[in-house]
Amino acid sequence: AVTNSSGETGKLTKSILTLQDAFGVTDDAVKGFGMQWSQMVGNGKVSAQDFMSFTNVFPKIKQQLLEYEQVQTGNHKLSMKQLNDMISGGKISSETMNKVLGDFANKYKDATKNFASTMPGLERTIKARMPAVVAAFEQPLMTMKNPLLKSMGDWVSDKHTEKEFTKLGNSVSKAMGTIMGAFGKEFNSKDFT
């Protein structure tokens, strides 16, 4: 867990996913971000290496931290250079970064809703929900009892059935080879065979 609180970890996760939707970041990049974030939380403060990893995924997070620190310190002239010095000096706590991440995600709170109305959003929703949908469909079938099912099971287990499917597979393979060969001849290409 990233924190000692499942509620806090859940909020951080939701914030990261909101930002992923807002900035179109890949799942792999988010996984790397999450691992680096976990290490930062474990250390209790952000290092320059941590922050470089964070800004590689979400470049605007640095500006968000600067704005946060300007308010917290009351120094509205705090510069990016001074912020970099604070980061390098280990002066930014992981608790501060958790707050900044939450504030950052809040700026883009509608991103997930907007993303869900796109094709990539639909694809992600389908991938996420498909196991549950299939399980809901499959469960009644798995518990159904019927003599026909036993007969089908016996047929599928029969060696003769396996031999017939092998023949069918060979026939389909041969037919596909013939078709692809014909395309290859027609288009003067060996890529079809």
N, C-alpha and C. Protein backbone atom coordinates (compact mmCIF):
# COMPACT_ATOMS: atom_id res chain seq x y z
N ALA A 1 0.84 -1.19 0.00
CA ALA A 1 0.00 0.00 0.00
C ALA A 1 0.88 1.24 0.00
N VAL A 2 0.40 2.27 -0.62
CA VAL A 2 1.15 3.52 -0.69
C VAL A 2 1.15 4.24 0.65
N THR A 3 0.05 4.17 1.36
CA THR A 3 -0.05 4.81 2.67
C THR A 3 -0.56 3.78 3.67
N ASN A 4 -0.64 4.19 4.92
CA ASN A 4 -1.18 3.30 5.95
C ASN A 4 -2.70 3.33 5.99
N SER A 5 -3.31 4.14 5.16
CA SER A 5 -4.76 4.30 5.13
C SER A 5 -5.29 3.89 3.77
N SER A 6 -6.20 2.93 3.76
CA SER A 6 -6.77 2.51 2.48
C SER A 6 -7.56 3.66 1.84
N GLY A 7 -8.18 4.48 2.66
CA GLY A 7 -8.93 5.62 2.13
C GLY A 7 -8.01 6.61 1.43
N GLU A 8 -6.88 6.92 2.07
CA GLU A 8 -5.91 7.85 1.48
C GLU A 8 -5.30 7.26 0.21
N THR A 9 -4.98 5.97 0.25
CA THR A 9 -4.42 5.31 -0.93
C THR A 9 -5.44 5.33 -2.07
N GLY A 10 -6.70 5.10 -1.75
CA GLY A 10 -7.76 5.16 -2.76
C GLY A 10 -7.87 6.53 -3.39
N LYS A 11 -7.75 7.59 -2.57
CA LYS A 11 -7.81 8.96 -3.11
C LYS A 11 -6.64 9.23 -4.04
N LEU A 12 -5.44 8.77 -3.62
CA LEU A 12 -4.26 8.97 -4.47
C LEU A 12 -4.43 8.23 -5.79
N THR A 13 -4.92 7.00 -5.73
CA THR A 13 -5.13 6.21 -6.95
C THR A 13 -6.11 6.91 -7.87
N LYS A 14 -7.21 7.39 -7.31
CA LYS A 14 -8.22 8.09 -8.12
C LYS A 14 -7.62 9.35 -8.74
N SER A 15 -6.79 10.06 -7.98
CA SER A 15 -6.15 11.27 -8.50
C SER A 15 -5.25 10.93 -9.68
N ILE A 16 -4.46 9.87 -9.54
CA ILE A 16 -3.54 9.48 -10.61
C ILE A 16 -4.32 9.08 -11.87
N LEU A 17 -5.40 8.32 -11.68
CA LEU A 17 -6.19 7.89 -12.83
C LEU A 17 -6.89 9.07 -13.51
N THR A 18 -7.32 10.04 -12.72
CA THR A 18 -7.92 11.25 -13.29
C THR A 18 -6.90 11.99 -14.15
N LEU A 19 -5.68 12.11 -13.63
CA LEU A 19 -4.64 12.79 -14.39
C LEU A 19 -4.24 11.99 -15.62
N GLN A 20 -4.27 10.67 -15.52
CA GLN A 20 -3.99 9.84 -16.69
C GLN A 20 -5.00 10.15 -17.80
N ASP A 21 -6.27 10.24 -17.42
CA ASP A 21 -7.31 10.56 -18.40
C ASP A 21 -7.12 11.97 -18.97
N ALA A 22 -6.74 12.90 -18.10
CA ALA A 22 -6.60 14.30 -18.53
C ALA A 22 -5.45 14.47 -19.52
N PHE A 23 -4.37 13.74 -19.30
CA PHE A 23 -3.17 13.96 -20.11
C PHE A 23 -2.87 12.83 -21.09
N GLY A 24 -3.74 11.81 -21.14
CA GLY A 24 -3.56 10.73 -22.10
C GLY A 24 -2.30 9.91 -21.86
N VAL A 25 -1.98 9.68 -20.62
CA VAL A 25 -0.76 8.95 -20.25
C VAL A 25 -1.02 7.44 -20.35
N THR A 26 -0.01 6.70 -20.79
CA THR A 26 -0.15 5.25 -20.94
C THR A 26 -0.22 4.55 -19.60
N ASP A 27 -0.76 3.35 -19.61
CA ASP A 27 -0.83 2.54 -18.39
C ASP A 27 0.56 2.25 -17.85
N ASP A 28 1.52 1.96 -18.73
CA ASP A 28 2.88 1.67 -18.28
C ASP A 28 3.51 2.88 -17.58
N ALA A 29 3.28 4.06 -18.14
CA ALA A 29 3.82 5.27 -17.52
C ALA A 29 3.20 5.48 -16.14
N VAL A 30 1.91 5.20 -16.01
CA VAL A 30 1.23 5.35 -14.72
C VAL A 30 1.76 4.33 -13.71
N LYS A 31 2.04 3.11 -14.17
CA LYS A 31 2.62 2.10 -13.27
C LYS A 31 3.97 2.57 -12.73
N GLY A 32 4.80 3.10 -13.64
CA GLY A 32 6.10 3.62 -13.21
C GLY A 32 5.95 4.78 -12.25
N PHE A 33 5.00 5.66 -12.55
CA PHE A 33 4.72 6.80 -11.68
C PHE A 33 4.31 6.30 -10.29
N GLY A 34 3.42 5.32 -10.27
CA GLY A 34 2.94 4.78 -8.99
C GLY A 34 4.06 4.15 -8.17
N MET A 35 4.96 3.44 -8.84
CA MET A 35 6.08 2.83 -8.12
C MET A 35 6.99 3.91 -7.53
N GLN A 36 7.29 4.93 -8.33
CA GLN A 36 8.15 6.01 -7.84
C GLN A 36 7.46 6.77 -6.71
N TRP A 37 6.15 6.96 -6.83
CA TRP A 37 5.40 7.67 -5.79
C TRP A 37 5.45 6.87 -4.49
N SER A 38 5.30 5.57 -4.59
CA SER A 38 5.35 4.71 -3.40
C SER A 38 6.70 4.82 -2.71
N GLN A 39 7.77 4.84 -3.50
CA GLN A 39 9.11 4.99 -2.91
C GLN A 39 9.25 6.33 -2.21
N MET A 40 8.70 7.38 -2.83
CA MET A 40 8.76 8.70 -2.23
C MET A 40 8.02 8.71 -0.89
N VAL A 41 6.83 8.11 -0.88
CA VAL A 41 6.05 8.07 0.36
C VAL A 41 6.83 7.30 1.43
N GLY A 42 7.45 6.19 1.03
CA GLY A 42 8.25 5.41 1.97
C GLY A 42 9.42 6.20 2.54
N ASN A 43 10.01 7.09 1.74
CA ASN A 43 11.13 7.92 2.20
C ASN A 43 10.66 9.13 3.00
N GLY A 44 9.39 9.48 2.86
CA GLY A 44 8.85 10.62 3.61
C GLY A 44 9.09 11.97 2.97
N LYS A 45 9.86 12.00 1.90
CA LYS A 45 10.13 13.27 1.22
C LYS A 45 10.41 12.98 -0.25
N VAL A 46 10.28 14.02 -1.06
CA VAL A 46 10.52 13.87 -2.49
C VAL A 46 11.98 14.19 -2.79
N SER A 47 12.59 13.35 -3.60
CA SER A 47 13.97 13.61 -4.03
C SER A 47 13.94 14.21 -5.43
N ALA A 48 15.09 14.70 -5.87
CA ALA A 48 15.17 15.26 -7.22
C ALA A 48 14.88 14.17 -8.26
N GLN A 49 15.34 12.95 -7.99
CA GLN A 49 15.08 11.85 -8.92
C GLN A 49 13.59 11.52 -8.97
N ASP A 50 12.95 11.49 -7.79
CA ASP A 50 11.50 11.27 -7.76
C ASP A 50 10.81 12.30 -8.64
N PHE A 51 11.17 13.56 -8.40
CA PHE A 51 10.45 14.63 -9.09
C PHE A 51 10.68 14.60 -10.59
N MET A 52 11.88 14.21 -10.99
CA MET A 52 12.14 14.09 -12.42
C MET A 52 11.22 13.03 -13.03
N SER A 53 11.05 11.91 -12.31
CA SER A 53 10.15 10.85 -12.79
C SER A 53 8.71 11.35 -12.85
N PHE A 54 8.29 12.10 -11.85
CA PHE A 54 6.92 12.61 -11.81
C PHE A 54 6.66 13.56 -12.98
N THR A 55 7.61 14.47 -13.22
CA THR A 55 7.40 15.45 -14.28
C THR A 55 7.51 14.82 -15.67
N ASN A 56 8.20 13.70 -15.78
CA ASN A 56 8.23 12.99 -17.07
C ASN A 56 6.85 12.47 -17.43
N VAL A 57 6.06 12.12 -16.43
CA VAL A 57 4.72 11.58 -16.67
C VAL A 57 3.69 12.72 -16.71
N PHE A 58 3.75 13.62 -15.73
CA PHE A 58 2.81 14.74 -15.64
C PHE A 58 3.62 16.04 -15.52
N PRO A 59 4.05 16.62 -16.62
CA PRO A 59 4.93 17.80 -16.56
C PRO A 59 4.35 18.98 -15.76
N LYS A 60 3.07 19.13 -15.75
CA LYS A 60 2.47 20.28 -15.08
C LYS A 60 2.46 20.16 -13.55
N ILE A 61 2.88 19.01 -13.02
CA ILE A 61 2.85 18.84 -11.57
C ILE A 61 3.85 19.77 -10.88
N LYS A 62 4.90 20.12 -11.58
CA LYS A 62 5.90 21.02 -10.98
C LYS A 62 5.31 22.41 -10.77
N GLN A 63 4.57 22.90 -11.76
CA GLN A 63 3.92 24.20 -11.61
C GLN A 63 2.90 24.15 -10.48
N GLN A 64 2.20 23.02 -10.38
CA GLN A 64 1.21 22.85 -9.31
C GLN A 64 1.89 22.91 -7.94
N LEU A 65 3.05 22.26 -7.81
CA LEU A 65 3.79 22.31 -6.54
C LEU A 65 4.27 23.73 -6.25
N LEU A 66 4.76 24.42 -7.27
CA LEU A 66 5.21 25.80 -7.07
C LEU A 66 4.07 26.67 -6.54
N GLU A 67 2.90 26.58 -7.16
CA GLU A 67 1.75 27.36 -6.70
C GLU A 67 1.37 26.99 -5.27
N TYR A 68 1.41 25.70 -4.95
CA TYR A 68 1.08 25.24 -3.59
C TYR A 68 2.07 25.83 -2.59
N GLU A 69 3.37 25.75 -2.90
CA GLU A 69 4.40 26.25 -1.98
C GLU A 69 4.33 27.76 -1.84
N GLN A 70 3.98 28.46 -2.91
CA GLN A 70 3.83 29.91 -2.82
C GLN A 70 2.75 30.28 -1.80
N VAL A 71 1.66 29.54 -1.82
CA VAL A 71 0.57 29.79 -0.87
C VAL A 71 0.99 29.37 0.54
N GLN A 72 1.57 28.19 0.67
CA GLN A 72 1.93 27.67 2.00
C GLN A 72 2.99 28.51 2.70
N THR A 73 3.96 28.99 1.93
CA THR A 73 5.04 29.79 2.52
C THR A 73 4.70 31.27 2.60
N GLY A 74 3.64 31.67 1.89
CA GLY A 74 3.29 33.08 1.84
C GLY A 74 4.25 33.87 0.96
N ASN A 75 5.10 33.17 0.25
CA ASN A 75 6.08 33.80 -0.64
C ASN A 75 5.61 33.64 -2.08
N HIS A 76 4.84 34.61 -2.54
CA HIS A 76 4.28 34.52 -3.89
C HIS A 76 5.32 34.81 -4.97
N LYS A 77 6.53 35.15 -4.53
CA LYS A 77 7.62 35.36 -5.48
C LYS A 77 8.57 34.16 -5.51
N LEU A 78 8.18 33.08 -4.84
CA LEU A 78 8.99 31.86 -4.85
C LEU A 78 9.20 31.43 -6.30
N SER A 79 10.45 31.25 -6.69
CA SER A 79 10.75 30.94 -8.10
C SER A 79 10.89 29.43 -8.30
N MET A 80 10.90 29.04 -9.56
CA MET A 80 11.10 27.64 -9.90
C MET A 80 12.50 27.20 -9.45
N LYS A 81 13.48 28.08 -9.56
CA LYS A 81 14.84 27.74 -9.11
C LYS A 81 14.84 27.49 -7.61
N GLN A 82 14.18 28.34 -6.86
CA GLN A 82 14.10 28.13 -5.40
C GLN A 82 13.37 26.83 -5.07
N LEU A 83 12.33 26.54 -5.84
CA LEU A 83 11.60 25.28 -5.63
C LEU A 83 12.52 24.10 -5.92
N ASN A 84 13.29 24.18 -7.01
CA ASN A 84 14.24 23.11 -7.33
C ASN A 84 15.24 22.90 -6.19
N ASP A 85 15.69 24.01 -5.59
CA ASP A 85 16.62 23.92 -4.46
C ASP A 85 15.94 23.23 -3.27
N MET A 86 14.67 23.54 -3.05
CA MET A 86 13.92 22.90 -1.95
C MET A 86 13.80 21.39 -2.19
N ILE A 87 13.52 21.04 -3.44
CA ILE A 87 13.40 19.62 -3.79
C ILE A 87 14.73 18.93 -3.59
N SER A 88 15.79 19.52 -4.13
CA SER A 88 17.14 18.92 -4.01
C SER A 88 17.57 18.82 -2.55
N GLY A 89 17.13 19.75 -1.75
CA GLY A 89 17.49 19.76 -0.33
C GLY A 89 16.60 18.87 0.53
N GLY A 90 15.66 18.17 -0.10
CA GLY A 90 14.78 17.28 0.66
C GLY A 90 13.78 18.01 1.54
N LYS A 91 13.41 19.22 1.13
CA LYS A 91 12.51 20.04 1.95
C LYS A 91 11.02 19.84 1.63
N ILE A 92 10.70 19.04 0.63
CA ILE A 92 9.30 18.81 0.25
C ILE A 92 8.91 17.42 0.76
N SER A 93 7.94 17.38 1.65
CA SER A 93 7.53 16.10 2.23
C SER A 93 6.59 15.33 1.30
N SER A 94 6.51 14.04 1.52
CA SER A 94 5.58 13.23 0.74
C SER A 94 4.14 13.62 1.06
N GLU A 95 3.89 14.07 2.28
CA GLU A 95 2.53 14.54 2.63
C GLU A 95 2.15 15.75 1.78
N THR A 96 3.10 16.65 1.59
CA THR A 96 2.86 17.81 0.73
C THR A 96 2.56 17.36 -0.69
N MET A 97 3.35 16.40 -1.18
CA MET A 97 3.13 15.91 -2.54
C MET A 97 1.77 15.24 -2.68
N ASN A 98 1.33 14.51 -1.65
CA ASN A 98 0.00 13.90 -1.70
C ASN A 98 -1.08 14.98 -1.83
N LYS A 99 -0.92 16.08 -1.08
CA LYS A 99 -1.89 17.19 -1.18
C LYS A 99 -1.85 17.82 -2.57
N VAL A 100 -0.64 18.03 -3.08
CA VAL A 100 -0.48 18.64 -4.40
C VAL A 100 -1.12 17.75 -5.47
N LEU A 101 -0.89 16.45 -5.37
CA LEU A 101 -1.48 15.53 -6.34
C LEU A 101 -3.00 15.61 -6.30
N GLY A 102 -3.57 15.64 -5.12
CA GLY A 102 -5.03 15.75 -4.98
C GLY A 102 -5.56 17.05 -5.57
N ASP A 103 -4.87 18.16 -5.29
CA ASP A 103 -5.28 19.46 -5.84
C ASP A 103 -5.16 19.47 -7.36
N PHE A 104 -4.08 18.89 -7.85
CA PHE A 104 -3.82 18.82 -9.29
C PHE A 104 -4.93 18.03 -9.98
N ALA A 105 -5.28 16.89 -9.43
CA ALA A 105 -6.34 16.06 -10.02
C ALA A 105 -7.69 16.77 -9.94
N ASN A 106 -7.91 17.53 -8.88
CA ASN A 106 -9.17 18.24 -8.73
C ASN A 106 -9.37 19.27 -9.85
N LYS A 107 -8.27 19.84 -10.34
CA LYS A 107 -8.37 20.78 -11.46
C LYS A 107 -8.91 20.09 -12.71
N TYR A 108 -8.67 18.78 -12.81
CA TYR A 108 -9.05 18.03 -14.00
C TYR A 108 -10.11 16.98 -13.68
N LYS A 109 -10.94 17.27 -12.69
CA LYS A 109 -11.89 16.27 -12.19
C LYS A 109 -12.88 15.76 -13.24
N ASP A 110 -13.14 16.52 -14.28
CA ASP A 110 -14.07 16.07 -15.33
C ASP A 110 -13.38 15.24 -16.42
N ALA A 111 -12.08 15.05 -16.30
CA ALA A 111 -11.33 14.36 -17.35
C ALA A 111 -11.80 12.92 -17.55
N THR A 112 -12.08 12.21 -16.47
CA THR A 112 -12.50 10.82 -16.60
C THR A 112 -13.84 10.72 -17.31
N LYS A 113 -14.76 11.61 -16.96
CA LYS A 113 -16.07 11.61 -17.62
C LYS A 113 -15.89 11.92 -19.11
N ASN A 114 -15.04 12.88 -19.43
CA ASN A 114 -14.79 13.22 -20.83
C ASN A 114 -14.10 12.07 -21.55
N PHE A 115 -13.12 11.46 -20.90
CA PHE A 115 -12.37 10.36 -21.50
C PHE A 115 -13.29 9.17 -21.79
N ALA A 116 -14.24 8.93 -20.89
CA ALA A 116 -15.15 7.80 -21.05
C ALA A 116 -16.01 7.92 -22.31
N SER A 117 -16.14 9.12 -22.84
CA SER A 117 -16.96 9.29 -24.05
C SER A 117 -16.13 9.19 -25.33
N THR A 118 -14.87 8.76 -25.20
CA THR A 118 -14.01 8.57 -26.38
C THR A 118 -13.84 7.08 -26.65
N MET A 119 -13.33 6.74 -27.83
CA MET A 119 -13.08 5.32 -28.15
C MET A 119 -12.07 4.69 -27.19
N PRO A 120 -10.94 5.35 -26.89
CA PRO A 120 -10.03 4.74 -25.92
C PRO A 120 -10.68 4.56 -24.54
N GLY A 121 -11.54 5.50 -24.18
CA GLY A 121 -12.25 5.37 -22.90
C GLY A 121 -13.19 4.19 -22.90
N LEU A 122 -13.91 4.02 -24.02
CA LEU A 122 -14.80 2.87 -24.14
C LEU A 122 -14.01 1.57 -24.09
N GLU A 123 -12.88 1.55 -24.79
CA GLU A 123 -12.04 0.35 -24.78
C GLU A 123 -11.58 0.00 -23.36
N ARG A 124 -11.15 1.02 -22.61
CA ARG A 124 -10.69 0.76 -21.24
C ARG A 124 -11.85 0.27 -20.38
N THR A 125 -13.02 0.86 -20.55
CA THR A 125 -14.18 0.42 -19.78
C THR A 125 -14.53 -1.02 -20.10
N ILE A 126 -14.51 -1.36 -21.37
CA ILE A 126 -14.82 -2.73 -21.77
C ILE A 126 -13.80 -3.70 -21.18
N LYS A 127 -12.52 -3.36 -21.30
CA LYS A 127 -11.48 -4.24 -20.74
C LYS A 127 -11.64 -4.41 -19.24
N ALA A 128 -11.99 -3.35 -18.56
CA ALA A 128 -12.14 -3.41 -17.11
C ALA A 128 -13.37 -4.22 -16.70
N ARG A 129 -14.44 -4.07 -17.44
CA ARG A 129 -15.70 -4.71 -17.05
C ARG A 129 -15.89 -6.11 -17.64
N MET A 130 -15.17 -6.45 -18.69
CA MET A 130 -15.39 -7.72 -19.38
C MET A 130 -15.26 -8.94 -18.47
N PRO A 131 -14.25 -9.02 -17.61
CA PRO A 131 -14.19 -10.21 -16.75
C PRO A 131 -15.44 -10.39 -15.88
N ALA A 132 -15.97 -9.31 -15.35
CA ALA A 132 -17.17 -9.41 -14.52
C ALA A 132 -18.39 -9.80 -15.35
N VAL A 133 -18.50 -9.24 -16.56
CA VAL A 133 -19.64 -9.55 -17.42
C VAL A 133 -19.58 -11.02 -17.85
N VAL A 134 -18.41 -11.47 -18.25
CA VAL A 134 -18.26 -12.87 -18.67
C VAL A 134 -18.55 -13.81 -17.49
N ALA A 135 -18.04 -13.45 -16.32
CA ALA A 135 -18.28 -14.29 -15.14
C ALA A 135 -19.77 -14.37 -14.82
N ALA A 136 -20.47 -13.25 -14.94
CA ALA A 136 -21.91 -13.24 -14.67
C ALA A 136 -22.66 -14.12 -15.66
N PHE A 137 -22.22 -14.14 -16.90
CA PHE A 137 -22.84 -14.98 -17.93
C PHE A 137 -22.47 -16.45 -17.72
N GLU A 138 -21.21 -16.68 -17.40
CA GLU A 138 -20.68 -18.04 -17.30
C GLU A 138 -21.17 -18.79 -16.06
N GLN A 139 -21.34 -18.10 -14.95
CA GLN A 139 -21.66 -18.75 -13.68
C GLN A 139 -22.91 -19.62 -13.75
N PRO A 140 -24.04 -19.13 -14.29
CA PRO A 140 -25.22 -20.00 -14.37
C PRO A 140 -24.98 -21.21 -15.27
N LEU A 141 -24.19 -21.03 -16.33
CA LEU A 141 -23.91 -22.15 -17.22
C LEU A 141 -23.07 -23.22 -16.51
N MET A 142 -22.15 -22.77 -15.67
CA MET A 142 -21.28 -23.70 -14.98
C MET A 142 -22.02 -24.52 -13.91
N THR A 143 -23.08 -23.97 -13.38
CA THR A 143 -23.81 -24.69 -12.35
C THR A 143 -25.03 -25.42 -12.89
N MET A 144 -25.31 -25.24 -14.18
CA MET A 144 -26.45 -25.88 -14.82
C MET A 144 -26.21 -27.40 -14.91
N LYS A 145 -27.25 -28.17 -14.68
CA LYS A 145 -27.15 -29.62 -14.80
C LYS A 145 -28.17 -30.08 -15.83
N ASN A 146 -27.66 -30.90 -16.78
CA ASN A 146 -28.52 -31.36 -17.85
C ASN A 146 -27.85 -32.58 -18.48
N PRO A 147 -28.61 -33.64 -18.77
CA PRO A 147 -28.02 -34.83 -19.39
C PRO A 147 -27.35 -34.54 -20.73
N LEU A 148 -27.86 -33.54 -21.44
CA LEU A 148 -27.26 -33.18 -22.72
C LEU A 148 -25.81 -32.73 -22.52
N LEU A 149 -25.55 -32.01 -21.42
CA LEU A 149 -24.20 -31.54 -21.14
C LEU A 149 -23.24 -32.71 -20.95
N LYS A 150 -23.69 -33.77 -20.28
CA LYS A 150 -22.84 -34.95 -20.10
C LYS A 150 -22.52 -35.56 -21.46
N SER A 151 -23.52 -35.65 -22.32
CA SER A 151 -23.30 -36.20 -23.66
C SER A 151 -22.30 -35.35 -24.43
N MET A 152 -22.44 -34.04 -24.34
CA MET A 152 -21.50 -33.14 -25.02
C MET A 152 -20.09 -33.32 -24.45
N GLY A 153 -19.99 -33.46 -23.14
CA GLY A 153 -18.70 -33.67 -22.50
C GLY A 153 -18.05 -34.96 -22.97
N ASP A 154 -18.86 -36.02 -23.06
CA ASP A 154 -18.35 -37.30 -23.54
C ASP A 154 -17.86 -37.17 -24.98
N TRP A 155 -18.63 -36.44 -25.82
CA TRP A 155 -18.26 -36.25 -27.22
C TRP A 155 -16.95 -35.48 -27.34
N VAL A 156 -16.81 -34.40 -26.57
CA VAL A 156 -15.61 -33.58 -26.62
C VAL A 156 -14.39 -34.37 -26.14
N SER A 157 -14.59 -35.28 -25.19
CA SER A 157 -13.49 -36.07 -24.63
C SER A 157 -13.09 -37.25 -25.51
N ASP A 158 -13.91 -37.61 -26.45
CA ASP A 158 -13.68 -38.77 -27.31
C ASP A 158 -12.48 -38.52 -28.24
N LYS A 159 -11.57 -39.50 -28.34
CA LYS A 159 -10.40 -39.39 -29.21
C LYS A 159 -10.80 -39.23 -30.69
N HIS A 160 -11.91 -39.87 -31.08
CA HIS A 160 -12.40 -39.77 -32.45
C HIS A 160 -12.73 -38.31 -32.79
N THR A 161 -13.34 -37.60 -31.83
CA THR A 161 -13.68 -36.19 -32.04
C THR A 161 -12.41 -35.39 -32.27
N GLU A 162 -11.38 -35.67 -31.48
CA GLU A 162 -10.11 -34.97 -31.61
C GLU A 162 -9.51 -35.20 -33.01
N LYS A 163 -9.57 -36.44 -33.48
CA LYS A 163 -9.04 -36.77 -34.81
C LYS A 163 -9.81 -36.01 -35.89
N GLU A 164 -11.14 -35.93 -35.74
CA GLU A 164 -11.95 -35.24 -36.73
C GLU A 164 -11.63 -33.74 -36.75
N PHE A 165 -11.40 -33.16 -35.58
CA PHE A 165 -11.05 -31.74 -35.53
C PHE A 165 -9.66 -31.51 -36.10
N THR A 166 -8.77 -32.47 -35.94
CA THR A 166 -7.44 -32.38 -36.55
C THR A 166 -7.59 -32.37 -38.07
N LYS A 167 -8.42 -33.25 -38.60
CA LYS A 167 -8.68 -33.28 -40.05
C LYS A 167 -9.26 -31.94 -40.51
N LEU A 168 -10.23 -31.43 -39.75
CA LEU A 168 -10.85 -30.16 -40.09
C LEU A 168 -9.80 -29.04 -40.09
N GLY A 169 -8.95 -29.01 -39.08
CA GLY A 169 -7.89 -28.00 -39.02
C GLY A 169 -6.95 -28.09 -40.20
N ASN A 170 -6.58 -29.29 -40.58
CA ASN A 170 -5.70 -29.48 -41.73
C ASN A 170 -6.38 -29.01 -43.02
N SER A 171 -7.66 -29.31 -43.15
CA SER A 171 -8.41 -28.89 -44.35
C SER A 171 -8.49 -27.36 -44.43
N VAL A 172 -8.79 -26.73 -43.31
CA VAL A 172 -8.88 -25.27 -43.29
C VAL A 172 -7.52 -24.66 -43.61
N SER A 173 -6.47 -25.22 -43.04
CA SER A 173 -5.12 -24.73 -43.29
C SER A 173 -4.76 -24.84 -44.77
N LYS A 174 -5.08 -25.99 -45.37
CA LYS A 174 -4.79 -26.22 -46.78
C LYS A 174 -5.58 -25.22 -47.64
N ALA A 175 -6.87 -25.03 -47.31
CA ALA A 175 -7.71 -24.10 -48.07
C ALA A 175 -7.17 -22.68 -47.97
N MET A 176 -6.76 -22.26 -46.77
CA MET A 176 -6.21 -20.91 -46.60
C MET A 176 -4.92 -20.76 -47.40
N GLY A 177 -4.09 -21.81 -47.43
CA GLY A 177 -2.86 -21.77 -48.21
C GLY A 177 -3.16 -21.60 -49.69
N THR A 178 -4.17 -22.31 -50.18
CA THR A 178 -4.57 -22.20 -51.59
C THR A 178 -5.05 -20.79 -51.90
N ILE A 179 -5.90 -20.25 -51.02
CA ILE A 179 -6.44 -18.90 -51.23
C ILE A 179 -5.32 -17.87 -51.20
N MET A 180 -4.43 -17.98 -50.23
CA MET A 180 -3.34 -17.01 -50.13
C MET A 180 -2.38 -17.14 -51.32
N GLY A 181 -2.16 -18.35 -51.77
CA GLY A 181 -1.33 -18.56 -52.95
C GLY A 181 -1.93 -17.90 -54.18
N ALA A 182 -3.26 -18.01 -54.33
CA ALA A 182 -3.94 -17.37 -55.45
C ALA A 182 -3.79 -15.85 -55.39
N PHE A 183 -3.93 -15.28 -54.19
CA PHE A 183 -3.72 -13.84 -54.04
C PHE A 183 -2.29 -13.47 -54.41
N GLY A 184 -1.34 -14.29 -53.96
CA GLY A 184 0.06 -14.04 -54.26
C GLY A 184 0.33 -14.02 -55.75
N LYS A 185 -0.26 -14.99 -56.49
CA LYS A 185 -0.09 -15.03 -57.94
C LYS A 185 -0.74 -13.83 -58.60
N GLU A 186 -1.94 -13.49 -58.15
CA GLU A 186 -2.70 -12.38 -58.74
C GLU A 186 -1.97 -11.06 -58.56
N PHE A 187 -1.36 -10.86 -57.39
CA PHE A 187 -0.71 -9.58 -57.08
C PHE A 187 0.81 -9.66 -57.20
N ASN A 188 1.31 -10.76 -57.78
CA ASN A 188 2.76 -10.94 -57.97
C ASN A 188 3.53 -10.69 -56.69
N SER A 189 3.08 -11.30 -55.62
CA SER A 189 3.73 -11.09 -54.32
C SER A 189 3.90 -12.42 -53.61
N LYS A 190 5.03 -12.55 -52.93
CA LYS A 190 5.26 -13.75 -52.12
C LYS A 190 4.79 -13.53 -50.68
N ASP A 191 4.37 -12.30 -50.36
CA ASP A 191 3.93 -11.99 -49.01
C ASP A 191 2.65 -12.70 -48.62
N PHE A 192 1.89 -13.20 -49.58
CA PHE A 192 0.62 -13.86 -49.29
C PHE A 192 0.80 -15.35 -49.01
N THR A 193 1.96 -15.88 -49.26
CA THR A 193 2.16 -17.33 -49.08
C THR A 193 3.08 -17.62 -47.93
